Amino acid sequence: MPRIVTLTLNPTVDKSTTADHIIPDQKLRCAAPRFEPGGGGINVSRALRRLGSESVAVFPAGGPTGQQLQELLAQEQIQQLPIAIAGRTRENFIVVDSSSSQQYRFGMPGTELTMAEQQQVLAALQALPEAPEFLVISGSLPPGVEPDFLAEIVRWAKQAGTKVIADTSGPALQRVLQEGVYLIKPNVGELSKMAGVEELDNLAVTEAAQQLVRDSKAEVVVVSLGPQGACVVTADTIDHIPAPAVKKRSTVGAGDSMVAGLVHGLSTGLSLPETARLGVACGSAATMNPGTELFRKPDVDRLYAWLCQTLPAQAV
């Protein structure tokens, strides 16, 4: 049984294509579509596989799109635990204008998850042969799911001795933090909302993250600073990590890739400074690829080696 389980309550099949020019009121000739499994936790599982870590992807699936999602994951050799639902799994649509390299992303609403189906998801987690070391809760909530359901999952995980890593936003994240989790990865905007202010400067970012730790809402806060890198805060450490200079082609999947790097590092025994740098390396490497593609392992290795030169002296 893998030590890592990912939970995606609002999964999707990402359908992407390219067109020479995107012009209104014209019939657009598109390239053959590409289909990829999507959704926060699912992308984390896919990225973990590239790093050499096994995980189990837990998600609701229904209809032809749900079947396609399972087939796509099987092609990538991702261990999966789908929960059958009455509704149809959603499909997102991405078009890249090849004349400008601009990307247009159309996100469809998720399928409603009934109360009975939500309990089936929880029952599937509780029925795992053994409790995982890490549970990654990532992505948005579909219609019908209240933040209290995530709180129920977090309480089960903590009672089972599982470390919860939450990468969601809005009321869902606020509710999860009330229960207390092991690690969160907010960006500056999300951290600002948690702090109740419009914006945060670098000093205020650190203070806001420290307050979350002091309030026992998270043991580790990894703040994604975009082109400025990341800041990692625990009860007794503050670590600023620079972002490598790379040519960015797309930011799609960068956050999920960063989470995968963090989980891989934690599960393989890297120190927290090393783990954080692996996360930044994975997120940065993902931006080097066009469209919805995740990172390439050689890019991660090269960026991680560079970032390790910035390790604090006590971590070397």
C-alpha atoms as a PDB file:
ATOM      1  CA  MET A   1       0.000   0.000   0.000  1.00  0.00           C
ATOM      2  CA  PRO A   2       1.561   3.359  -1.017  1.00  0.00           C
ATOM      3  CA  ARG A   3       2.228   5.798   1.798  1.00  0.00           C
ATOM      4  CA  ILE A   4       0.550   8.630  -0.130  1.00  0.00           C
ATOM      5  CA  VAL A   5      -3.133   9.043  -1.022  1.00  0.00           C
ATOM      6  CA  THR A   6      -4.488  11.945  -3.043  1.00  0.00           C
ATOM      7  CA  LEU A   7      -8.127  13.034  -2.904  1.00  0.00           C
ATOM      8  CA  THR A   8      -9.742  14.903  -5.805  1.00  0.00           C
ATOM      9  CA  LEU A   9     -13.428  15.648  -5.277  1.00  0.00           C
ATOM     10  CA  ASN A  10     -13.842  17.597  -8.531  1.00  0.00           C
ATOM     11  CA  PRO A  11     -11.812  15.671 -11.132  1.00  0.00           C
ATOM     12  CA  THR A  12     -11.850  16.385 -14.844  1.00  0.00           C
ATOM     13  CA  VAL A  13     -10.653  15.278 -18.231  1.00  0.00           C
ATOM     14  CA  ASP A  14      -8.688  18.124 -19.792  1.00  0.00           C
ATOM     15  CA  LYS A  15      -9.269  18.360 -23.545  1.00  0.00           C
ATOM     16  CA  SER A  16      -6.772  20.636 -25.274  1.00  0.00           C
ATOM     17  CA  THR A  17      -6.036  21.710 -28.819  1.00  0.00           C
ATOM     18  CA  THR A  18      -4.441  24.511 -30.852  1.00  0.00           C
ATOM     19  CA  ALA A  19      -5.754  26.874 -33.519  1.00  0.00           C
ATOM     20  CA  ASP A  20      -3.872  29.287 -35.782  1.00  0.00           C
ATOM     21  CA  HIS A  21      -6.027  32.288 -34.881  1.00  0.00           C
ATOM     22  CA  ILE A  22      -8.894  32.538 -32.411  1.00  0.00           C
ATOM     23  CA  ILE A  23     -11.408  34.863 -34.064  1.00  0.00           C
ATOM     24  CA  PRO A  24     -15.066  35.349 -33.085  1.00  0.00           C
ATOM     25  CA  ASP A  25     -17.873  34.248 -35.438  1.00  0.00           C
ATOM     26  CA  GLN A  26     -15.506  32.116 -37.521  1.00  0.00           C
ATOM     27  CA  LYS A  27     -15.253  28.367 -37.853  1.00  0.00           C
ATOM     28  CA  LEU A  28     -11.871  27.568 -36.318  1.00  0.00           C
ATOM     29  CA  ARG A  29      -9.764  24.706 -37.623  1.00  0.00           C
ATOM     30  CA  CYS A  30      -8.178  22.968 -34.653  1.00  0.00           C
ATOM     31  CA  ALA A  31      -5.465  20.368 -34.254  1.00  0.00           C
ATOM     32  CA  ALA A  32      -6.336  16.873 -33.063  1.00  0.00           C
ATOM     33  CA  PRO A  33      -7.403  17.089 -29.412  1.00  0.00           C
ATOM     34  CA  ARG A  34      -5.265  15.849 -26.569  1.00  0.00           C
ATOM     35  CA  PHE A  35      -6.895  14.300 -23.496  1.00  0.00           C
ATOM     36  CA  GLU A  36      -5.292  14.293 -20.047  1.00  0.00           C
ATOM     37  CA  PRO A  37      -6.531  13.421 -16.555  1.00  0.00           C
ATOM     38  CA  GLY A  38      -6.970  16.505 -14.416  1.00  0.00           C
ATOM     39  CA  GLY A  39      -7.954  17.881 -11.032  1.00  0.00           C
ATOM     40  CA  GLY A  40      -5.692  18.893  -8.154  1.00  0.00           C
ATOM     41  CA  GLY A  41      -5.013  15.588  -6.427  1.00  0.00           C
ATOM     42  CA  ILE A  42      -4.934  13.639  -9.677  1.00  0.00           C
ATOM     43  CA  ASN A  43      -2.238  15.946 -11.034  1.00  0.00           C
ATOM     44  CA  VAL A  44      -0.301  15.496  -7.793  1.00  0.00           C
ATOM     45  CA  SER A  45      -0.442  11.706  -8.254  1.00  0.00           C
ATOM     46  CA  ARG A  46       0.718  12.056 -11.864  1.00  0.00           C
ATOM     47  CA  ALA A  47       3.608  14.285 -10.828  1.00  0.00           C
ATOM     48  CA  LEU A  48       4.567  11.959  -7.972  1.00  0.00           C
ATOM     49  CA  ARG A  49       4.813   9.110 -10.460  1.00  0.00           C
ATOM     50  CA  ARG A  50       7.328  11.140 -12.488  1.00  0.00           C
ATOM     51  CA  LEU A  51       9.392  11.629  -9.345  1.00  0.00           C
ATOM     52  CA  GLY A  52       9.375   7.913  -8.560  1.00  0.00           C
ATOM     53  CA  SER A  53       6.791   7.916  -5.759  1.00  0.00           C
ATOM     54  CA  GLU A  54       3.686   5.728  -5.839  1.00  0.00           C
ATOM     55  CA  SER A  55       0.329   7.019  -4.645  1.00  0.00           C
ATOM     56  CA  VAL A  56      -3.338   6.079  -4.769  1.00  0.00           C
ATOM     57  CA  ALA A  57      -5.634   8.600  -6.449  1.00  0.00           C
ATOM     58  CA  VAL A  58      -9.103   8.637  -4.869  1.00  0.00           C
ATOM     59  CA  PHE A  59     -11.842  10.422  -6.801  1.00  0.00           C
ATOM     60  CA  PRO A  60     -15.524  10.205  -7.782  1.00  0.00           C
ATOM     61  CA  ALA A  61     -16.147   9.186 -11.396  1.00  0.00           C
ATOM     62  CA  GLY A  62     -19.272   8.873 -13.489  1.00  0.00           C
ATOM     63  CA  GLY A  63     -20.472   8.556 -17.054  1.00  0.00           C
ATOM     64  CA  PRO A  64     -18.354   8.175 -20.197  1.00  0.00           C
ATOM     65  CA  THR A  65     -15.989  10.940 -19.093  1.00  0.00           C
ATOM     66  CA  GLY A  66     -15.438   9.199 -15.781  1.00  0.00           C
ATOM     67  CA  GLN A  67     -14.564   6.001 -17.620  1.00  0.00           C
ATOM     68  CA  GLN A  68     -12.187   7.926 -19.880  1.00  0.00           C
ATOM     69  CA  LEU A  69     -10.542   9.462 -16.817  1.00  0.00           C
ATOM     70  CA  GLN A  70      -9.882   6.021 -15.374  1.00  0.00           C
ATOM     71  CA  GLU A  71      -8.458   4.800 -18.674  1.00  0.00           C
ATOM     72  CA  LEU A  72      -6.130   7.799 -18.945  1.00  0.00           C
ATOM     73  CA  LEU A  73      -4.833   7.212 -15.422  1.00  0.00           C
ATOM     74  CA  ALA A  74      -4.310   3.525 -16.161  1.00  0.00           C
ATOM     75  CA  GLN A  75      -2.222   4.482 -19.199  1.00  0.00           C
ATOM     76  CA  GLU A  76       0.036   6.486 -16.866  1.00  0.00           C
ATOM     77  CA  GLN A  77       0.121   3.537 -14.424  1.00  0.00           C
ATOM     78  CA  ILE A  78      -1.445   5.553 -11.612  1.00  0.00           C
ATOM     79  CA  GLN A  79      -2.977   3.451  -8.857  1.00  0.00           C
ATOM     80  CA  GLN A  80      -6.556   4.608  -8.481  1.00  0.00           C
ATOM     81  CA  LEU A  81      -9.626   4.152  -6.332  1.00  0.00           C
ATOM     82  CA  PRO A  82     -12.599   5.598  -8.238  1.00  0.00           C
ATOM     83  CA  ILE A  83     -15.957   5.967  -6.490  1.00  0.00           C
ATOM     84  CA  ALA A  84     -18.876   5.443  -8.873  1.00  0.00           C
ATOM     85  CA  ILE A  85     -21.363   8.324  -8.950  1.00  0.00           C
ATOM     86  CA  ALA A  86     -24.599   8.952 -10.835  1.00  0.00           C
ATOM     87  CA  GLY A  87     -23.439  12.188 -12.467  1.00  0.00           C
ATOM     88  CA  ARG A  88     -21.006  12.607 -15.314  1.00  0.00           C
ATOM     89  CA  THR A  89     -17.387  13.617 -14.655  1.00  0.00           C
ATOM     90  CA  ARG A  90     -16.721  17.059 -16.067  1.00  0.00           C
ATOM     91  CA  GLU A  91     -14.513  17.968 -18.996  1.00  0.00           C
ATOM     92  CA  ASN A  92     -12.439  21.151 -19.299  1.00  0.00           C
ATOM     93  CA  PHE A  93     -11.447  22.676 -22.619  1.00  0.00           C
ATOM     94  CA  ILE A  94      -8.164  24.436 -23.382  1.00  0.00           C
ATOM     95  CA  VAL A  95      -7.272  26.144 -26.673  1.00  0.00           C
ATOM     96  CA  VAL A  96      -3.876  27.631 -27.497  1.00  0.00           C
ATOM     97  CA  ASP A  97      -3.723  30.321 -30.180  1.00  0.00           C
ATOM     98  CA  SER A  98      -0.550  29.274 -31.976  1.00  0.00           C
ATOM     99  CA  SER A  99      -0.145  32.716 -33.573  1.00  0.00           C
ATOM    100  CA  SER A 100       0.260  34.390 -30.170  1.00  0.00           C
ATOM    101  CA  SER A 101       0.887  31.421 -27.805  1.00  0.00           C
ATOM    102  CA  GLN A 102      -2.006  32.719 -25.697  1.00  0.00           C
ATOM    103  CA  GLN A 103      -3.969  30.075 -23.858  1.00  0.00           C
ATOM    104  CA  TYR A 104      -7.740  30.098 -23.380  1.00  0.00           C
ATOM    105  CA  ARG A 105      -9.011  27.875 -20.590  1.00  0.00           C
ATOM    106  CA  PHE A 106     -12.676  26.942 -20.239  1.00  0.00           C
ATOM    107  CA  GLY A 107     -13.474  25.339 -16.905  1.00  0.00           C
ATOM    108  CA  MET A 108     -16.800  23.507 -16.742  1.00  0.00           C
ATOM    109  CA  PRO A 109     -18.792  23.148 -13.523  1.00  0.00           C
ATOM    110  CA  GLY A 110     -18.390  19.913 -11.680  1.00  0.00           C
ATOM    111  CA  THR A 111     -21.023  17.254 -11.219  1.00  0.00           C
ATOM    112  CA  GLU A 112     -23.063  17.472  -8.030  1.00  0.00           C
ATOM    113  CA  LEU A 113     -21.914  15.018  -5.394  1.00  0.00           C
ATOM    114  CA  THR A 114     -24.840  13.814  -3.300  1.00  0.00           C
ATOM    115  CA  MET A 115     -24.620  13.321   0.446  1.00  0.00           C
ATOM    116  CA  ALA A 116     -24.711   9.543  -0.062  1.00  0.00           C
ATOM    117  CA  GLU A 117     -21.870   9.742  -2.602  1.00  0.00           C
ATOM    118  CA  GLN A 118     -19.823  11.910  -0.254  1.00  0.00           C
ATOM    119  CA  GLN A 119     -20.161   9.272   2.440  1.00  0.00           C
ATOM    120  CA  GLN A 120     -19.039   6.649  -0.077  1.00  0.00           C
ATOM    121  CA  VAL A 121     -15.867   8.681  -0.618  1.00  0.00           C
ATOM    122  CA  LEU A 122     -15.228   8.804   3.131  1.00  0.00           C
ATOM    123  CA  ALA A 123     -16.002   5.100   3.483  1.00  0.00           C
ATOM    124  CA  ALA A 124     -13.494   4.305   0.710  1.00  0.00           C
ATOM    125  CA  LEU A 125     -10.783   6.196   2.582  1.00  0.00           C
ATOM    126  CA  GLN A 126     -11.655   4.496   5.859  1.00  0.00           C
ATOM    127  CA  ALA A 127     -11.563   1.089   4.141  1.00  0.00           C
ATOM    128  CA  LEU A 128      -7.990   1.442   2.903  1.00  0.00           C
ATOM    129  CA  PRO A 129      -5.874  -1.551   3.984  1.00  0.00           C
ATOM    130  CA  GLU A 130      -3.795   0.791   6.131  1.00  0.00           C
ATOM    131  CA  ALA A 131      -3.884   4.470   6.893  1.00  0.00           C
ATOM    132  CA  PRO A 132      -1.559   6.433   4.595  1.00  0.00           C
ATOM    133  CA  GLU A 133       1.297   8.508   5.950  1.00  0.00           C
ATOM    134  CA  PHE A 134       0.167  11.468   3.833  1.00  0.00           C
ATOM    135  CA  LEU A 135      -3.261  12.477   2.524  1.00  0.00           C
ATOM    136  CA  VAL A 136      -3.201  15.233  -0.107  1.00  0.00           C
ATOM    137  CA  ILE A 137      -6.531  17.045  -0.385  1.00  0.00           C
ATOM    138  CA  SER A 138      -6.293  19.176  -3.493  1.00  0.00           C
ATOM    139  CA  GLY A 139      -8.583  21.027  -5.872  1.00  0.00           C
ATOM    140  CA  SER A 140     -11.971  22.690  -5.798  1.00  0.00           C
ATOM    141  CA  LEU A 141     -15.219  21.404  -4.321  1.00  0.00           C
ATOM    142  CA  PRO A 142     -17.953  20.245  -6.705  1.00  0.00           C
ATOM    143  CA  PRO A 143     -21.573  21.363  -6.297  1.00  0.00           C
ATOM    144  CA  GLY A 144     -23.295  19.791  -3.321  1.00  0.00           C
ATOM    145  CA  VAL A 145     -20.161  19.512  -1.182  1.00  0.00           C
ATOM    146  CA  GLU A 146     -19.861  21.796   1.831  1.00  0.00           C
ATOM    147  CA  PRO A 147     -16.526  22.621   3.494  1.00  0.00           C
ATOM    148  CA  ASP A 148     -17.700  20.671   6.554  1.00  0.00           C
ATOM    149  CA  PHE A 149     -17.235  17.470   4.561  1.00  0.00           C
ATOM    150  CA  LEU A 150     -13.519  18.214   4.195  1.00  0.00           C
ATOM    151  CA  ALA A 151     -13.378  18.833   7.938  1.00  0.00           C
ATOM    152  CA  GLU A 152     -14.872  15.371   8.482  1.00  0.00           C
ATOM    153  CA  ILE A 153     -12.160  13.843   6.285  1.00  0.00           C
ATOM    154  CA  VAL A 154      -9.412  15.761   8.100  1.00  0.00           C
ATOM    155  CA  ARG A 155     -10.678  14.570  11.487  1.00  0.00           C
ATOM    156  CA  TRP A 156     -10.641  10.945  10.290  1.00  0.00           C
ATOM    157  CA  ALA A 157      -7.141  11.325   8.866  1.00  0.00           C
ATOM    158  CA  LYS A 158      -5.708  12.881  12.017  1.00  0.00           C
ATOM    159  CA  GLN A 159      -7.264  10.179  14.196  1.00  0.00           C
ATOM    160  CA  ALA A 160      -5.646   7.591  11.910  1.00  0.00           C
ATOM    161  CA  GLY A 161      -2.231   9.251  12.325  1.00  0.00           C
ATOM    162  CA  THR A 162      -2.166  10.568   8.752  1.00  0.00           C
ATOM    163  CA  LYS A 163      -0.541  13.891   7.908  1.00  0.00           C
ATOM    164  CA  VAL A 164      -2.902  16.062   5.877  1.00  0.00           C
ATOM    165  CA  ILE A 165      -1.582  18.326   3.120  1.00  0.00           C
ATOM    166  CA  ALA A 166      -4.295  20.720   1.945  1.00  0.00           C
ATOM    167  CA  ASP A 167      -4.130  22.645  -1.318  1.00  0.00           C
ATOM    168  CA  THR A 168      -7.518  24.225  -1.794  1.00  0.00           C
ATOM    169  CA  SER A 169      -8.867  27.751  -1.350  1.00  0.00           C
ATOM    170  CA  GLY A 170     -11.676  29.943  -0.049  1.00  0.00           C
ATOM    171  CA  PRO A 171     -14.144  28.626   2.533  1.00  0.00           C
ATOM    172  CA  ALA A 172     -12.885  25.062   2.002  1.00  0.00           C
ATOM    173  CA  LEU A 173      -9.379  26.020   3.085  1.00  0.00           C
ATOM    174  CA  GLN A 174     -10.658  28.141   5.966  1.00  0.00           C
ATOM    175  CA  ARG A 175     -12.711  25.216   7.275  1.00  0.00           C
ATOM    176  CA  VAL A 176      -9.839  22.756   6.948  1.00  0.00           C
ATOM    177  CA  LEU A 177      -7.555  25.099   8.877  1.00  0.00           C
ATOM    178  CA  GLN A 178     -10.021  25.135  11.761  1.00  0.00           C
ATOM    179  CA  GLU A 179      -9.300  21.433  12.175  1.00  0.00           C
ATOM    180  CA  GLY A 180      -5.532  21.913  11.822  1.00  0.00           C
ATOM    181  CA  VAL A 181      -3.445  20.204   9.140  1.00  0.00           C
ATOM    182  CA  TYR A 182       0.196  19.327   8.621  1.00  0.00           C
ATOM    183  CA  LEU A 183       0.988  21.492   5.592  1.00  0.00           C
ATOM    184  CA  ILE A 184      -0.668  24.075   3.368  1.00  0.00           C
ATOM    185  CA  LYS A 185       0.635  25.797   0.237  1.00  0.00           C
ATOM    186  CA  PRO A 186      -1.186  29.116  -0.200  1.00  0.00           C
ATOM    187  CA  ASN A 187      -0.147  31.802  -2.654  1.00  0.00           C
ATOM    188  CA  VAL A 188       0.122  35.385  -1.453  1.00  0.00           C
ATOM    189  CA  GLY A 189      -3.456  36.200  -2.452  1.00  0.00           C
ATOM    190  CA  GLU A 190      -4.850  33.257  -0.513  1.00  0.00           C
ATOM    191  CA  LEU A 191      -2.689  34.071   2.501  1.00  0.00           C
ATOM    192  CA  SER A 192      -3.921  37.684   2.376  1.00  0.00           C
ATOM    193  CA  LYS A 193      -7.519  36.514   2.581  1.00  0.00           C
ATOM    194  CA  MET A 194      -6.675  34.293   5.539  1.00  0.00           C
ATOM    195  CA  ALA A 195      -5.034  37.266   7.237  1.00  0.00           C
ATOM    196  CA  GLY A 196      -8.030  39.469   6.467  1.00  0.00           C
ATOM    197  CA  VAL A 197      -6.103  42.106   4.511  1.00  0.00           C
ATOM    198  CA  GLU A 198      -6.056  43.172   0.861  1.00  0.00           C
ATOM    199  CA  GLU A 199      -2.359  42.563   0.248  1.00  0.00           C
ATOM    200  CA  LEU A 200       0.814  41.537   2.043  1.00  0.00           C
ATOM    201  CA  ASP A 201       4.406  42.664   1.596  1.00  0.00           C
ATOM    202  CA  ASN A 202       7.289  40.236   2.124  1.00  0.00           C
ATOM    203  CA  LEU A 203       7.572  40.896   5.864  1.00  0.00           C
ATOM    204  CA  ALA A 204       3.819  40.627   6.344  1.00  0.00           C
ATOM    205  CA  VAL A 205       3.783  37.329   4.438  1.00  0.00           C
ATOM    206  CA  THR A 206       6.149  35.804   6.976  1.00  0.00           C
ATOM    207  CA  GLU A 207       4.169  37.202   9.900  1.00  0.00           C
ATOM    208  CA  ALA A 208       0.858  35.912   8.520  1.00  0.00           C
ATOM    209  CA  ALA A 209       2.324  32.442   7.977  1.00  0.00           C
ATOM    210  CA  GLN A 210       3.808  32.417  11.477  1.00  0.00           C
ATOM    211  CA  GLN A 211       0.400  33.320  12.915  1.00  0.00           C
ATOM    212  CA  LEU A 212      -1.173  30.305  11.217  1.00  0.00           C
ATOM    213  CA  VAL A 213       1.464  28.085  12.806  1.00  0.00           C
ATOM    214  CA  ARG A 214       1.019  29.704  16.230  1.00  0.00           C
ATOM    215  CA  ASP A 215      -2.741  29.171  15.967  1.00  0.00           C
ATOM    216  CA  SER A 216      -2.122  25.445  15.254  1.00  0.00           C
ATOM    217  CA  LYS A 217      -3.833  25.707  11.879  1.00  0.00           C
ATOM    218  CA  ALA A 218      -0.834  24.216  10.087  1.00  0.00           C
ATOM    219  CA  GLU A 219       2.550  22.885  11.175  1.00  0.00           C
ATOM    220  CA  VAL A 220       4.221  23.908   7.925  1.00  0.00           C
ATOM    221  CA  VAL A 221       3.194  26.823   5.693  1.00  0.00           C
ATOM    222  CA  VAL A 222       4.777  26.998   2.252  1.00  0.00           C
ATOM    223  CA  VAL A 223       3.862  30.314   0.664  1.00  0.00           C
ATOM    224  CA  SER A 224       4.157  30.354  -3.109  1.00  0.00           C
ATOM    225  CA  LEU A 225       5.581  33.742  -4.139  1.00  0.00           C
ATOM    226  CA  GLY A 226       5.464  33.202  -7.911  1.00  0.00           C
ATOM    227  CA  PRO A 227       8.534  34.730  -9.588  1.00  0.00           C
ATOM    228  CA  GLN A 228       9.995  35.464  -6.125  1.00  0.00           C
ATOM    229  CA  GLY A 229      10.103  31.790  -5.195  1.00  0.00           C
ATOM    230  CA  ALA A 230       8.656  30.556  -1.922  1.00  0.00           C
ATOM    231  CA  CYS A 231       8.796  31.081   1.830  1.00  0.00           C
ATOM    232  CA  VAL A 232       8.626  28.147   4.249  1.00  0.00           C
ATOM    233  CA  VAL A 233       7.541  28.802   7.818  1.00  0.00           C
ATOM    234  CA  THR A 234       7.375  26.438  10.778  1.00  0.00           C
ATOM    235  CA  ALA A 235       7.303  27.038  14.530  1.00  0.00           C
ATOM    236  CA  ASP A 236      11.065  27.571  14.611  1.00  0.00           C
ATOM    237  CA  THR A 237      12.250  28.232  11.047  1.00  0.00           C
ATOM    238  CA  ILE A 238      11.835  30.721   8.224  1.00  0.00           C
ATOM    239  CA  ASP A 239      13.371  29.788   4.883  1.00  0.00           C
ATOM    240  CA  HIS A 240      13.225  31.958   1.756  1.00  0.00           C
ATOM    241  CA  ILE A 241      13.811  30.080  -1.494  1.00  0.00           C
ATOM    242  CA  PRO A 242      14.569  31.942  -4.734  1.00  0.00           C
ATOM    243  CA  ALA A 243      12.836  30.994  -7.952  1.00  0.00           C
ATOM    244  CA  PRO A 244      15.127  29.716 -10.711  1.00  0.00           C
ATOM    245  CA  ALA A 245      15.251  31.836 -13.840  1.00  0.00           C
ATOM    246  CA  VAL A 246      13.441  29.797 -16.491  1.00  0.00           C
ATOM    247  CA  LYS A 247      11.562  30.572 -19.680  1.00  0.00           C
ATOM    248  CA  LYS A 248       7.899  30.284 -18.735  1.00  0.00           C
ATOM    249  CA  ARG A 249       5.542  28.814 -21.324  1.00  0.00           C
ATOM    250  CA  SER A 250       2.560  27.944 -19.127  1.00  0.00           C
ATOM    251  CA  THR A 251       1.723  28.060 -15.423  1.00  0.00           C
ATOM    252  CA  VAL A 252      -0.882  25.279 -15.691  1.00  0.00           C
ATOM    253  CA  GLY A 253      -0.056  22.482 -13.253  1.00  0.00           C
ATOM    254  CA  ALA A 254       2.753  24.392 -11.551  1.00  0.00           C
ATOM    255  CA  GLY A 255       1.012  24.456  -8.174  1.00  0.00           C
ATOM    256  CA  ASP A 256       0.157  20.756  -8.292  1.00  0.00           C
ATOM    257  CA  SER A 257       3.727  19.969  -9.351  1.00  0.00           C
ATOM    258  CA  MET A 258       5.045  21.964  -6.398  1.00  0.00           C
ATOM    259  CA  VAL A 259       2.824  20.009  -4.001  1.00  0.00           C
ATOM    260  CA  ALA A 260       4.064  16.741  -5.518  1.00  0.00           C
ATOM    261  CA  GLY A 261       7.664  17.795  -4.946  1.00  0.00           C
ATOM    262  CA  LEU A 262       6.893  18.640  -1.325  1.00  0.00           C
ATOM    263  CA  VAL A 263       5.138  15.317  -0.679  1.00  0.00           C
ATOM    264  CA  HIS A 264       7.865  13.327  -2.435  1.00  0.00           C
ATOM    265  CA  GLY A 265      10.536  15.031  -0.361  1.00  0.00           C
ATOM    266  CA  LEU A 266       8.704  14.475   2.915  1.00  0.00           C
ATOM    267  CA  SER A 267       7.943  10.824   2.143  1.00  0.00           C
ATOM    268  CA  THR A 268      11.526  10.015   1.133  1.00  0.00           C
ATOM    269  CA  GLY A 269      13.181  11.539   4.189  1.00  0.00           C
ATOM    270  CA  LEU A 270      14.570  14.790   2.798  1.00  0.00           C
ATOM    271  CA  SER A 271      15.031  17.617   5.280  1.00  0.00           C
ATOM    272  CA  LEU A 272      12.415  20.363   5.178  1.00  0.00           C
ATOM    273  CA  PRO A 273      14.795  22.831   3.438  1.00  0.00           C
ATOM    274  CA  GLU A 274      15.600  20.181   0.820  1.00  0.00           C
ATOM    275  CA  THR A 275      11.927  19.291   0.472  1.00  0.00           C
ATOM    276  CA  ALA A 276      10.948  22.911  -0.077  1.00  0.00           C
ATOM    277  CA  ARG A 277      13.595  23.320  -2.782  1.00  0.00           C
ATOM    278  CA  LEU A 278      12.382  20.193  -4.525  1.00  0.00           C
ATOM    279  CA  GLY A 279       8.877  21.648  -4.488  1.00  0.00           C
ATOM    280  CA  VAL A 280      10.073  24.912  -6.045  1.00  0.00           C
ATOM    281  CA  ALA A 281      12.092  22.966  -8.624  1.00  0.00           C
ATOM    282  CA  CYS A 282       9.024  20.936  -9.647  1.00  0.00           C
ATOM    283  CA  GLY A 283       6.784  23.997  -9.858  1.00  0.00           C
ATOM    284  CA  SER A 284       9.351  25.948 -11.881  1.00  0.00           C
ATOM    285  CA  ALA A 285      10.007  23.000 -14.197  1.00  0.00           C
ATOM    286  CA  ALA A 286       6.286  22.712 -14.928  1.00  0.00           C
ATOM    287  CA  THR A 287       6.199  26.309 -16.215  1.00  0.00           C
ATOM    288  CA  MET A 288       8.834  25.440 -18.828  1.00  0.00           C
ATOM    289  CA  ASN A 289       6.396  23.264 -20.779  1.00  0.00           C
ATOM    290  CA  PRO A 290       3.517  24.468 -22.965  1.00  0.00           C
ATOM    291  CA  GLY A 291      -0.167  23.758 -22.474  1.00  0.00           C
ATOM    292  CA  THR A 292      -1.275  21.413 -19.706  1.00  0.00           C
ATOM    293  CA  GLU A 293       1.926  19.349 -19.632  1.00  0.00           C
ATOM    294  CA  LEU A 294       3.524  18.720 -16.248  1.00  0.00           C
ATOM    295  CA  PHE A 295       7.267  18.900 -15.577  1.00  0.00           C
ATOM    296  CA  ARG A 296      10.024  16.790 -17.058  1.00  0.00           C
ATOM    297  CA  LYS A 297      12.204  14.979 -14.553  1.00  0.00           C
ATOM    298  CA  PRO A 298      15.566  16.107 -16.039  1.00  0.00           C
ATOM    299  CA  ASP A 299      14.468  19.742 -15.675  1.00  0.00           C
ATOM    300  CA  VAL A 300      13.557  19.110 -12.036  1.00  0.00           C
ATOM    301  CA  ASP A 301      16.924  17.491 -11.314  1.00  0.00           C
ATOM    302  CA  ARG A 302      18.834  20.401 -12.831  1.00  0.00           C
ATOM    303  CA  LEU A 303      16.823  23.094 -11.031  1.00  0.00           C
ATOM    304  CA  TYR A 304      16.945  21.206  -7.727  1.00  0.00           C
ATOM    305  CA  ALA A 305      20.733  20.946  -7.914  1.00  0.00           C
ATOM    306  CA  TRP A 306      20.934  24.718  -8.428  1.00  0.00           C
ATOM    307  CA  LEU A 307      18.509  25.457  -5.589  1.00  0.00           C
ATOM    308  CA  CYS A 308      20.444  23.233  -3.188  1.00  0.00           C
ATOM    309  CA  GLN A 309      23.251  25.778  -3.411  1.00  0.00           C
ATOM    310  CA  THR A 310      20.919  28.085  -1.423  1.00  0.00           C
ATOM    311  CA  LEU A 311      20.419  25.635   1.436  1.00  0.00           C
ATOM    312  CA  PRO A 312      20.837  27.128   4.924  1.00  0.00           C
ATOM    313  CA  ALA A 313      24.179  26.193   6.475  1.00  0.00           C
ATOM    314  CA  GLN A 314      22.587  24.007   9.160  1.00  0.00           C
ATOM    315  CA  ALA A 315      20.732  21.996   6.484  1.00  0.00           C
ATOM    316  CA  VAL A 316      23.838  21.135   4.435  1.00  0.00           C
END
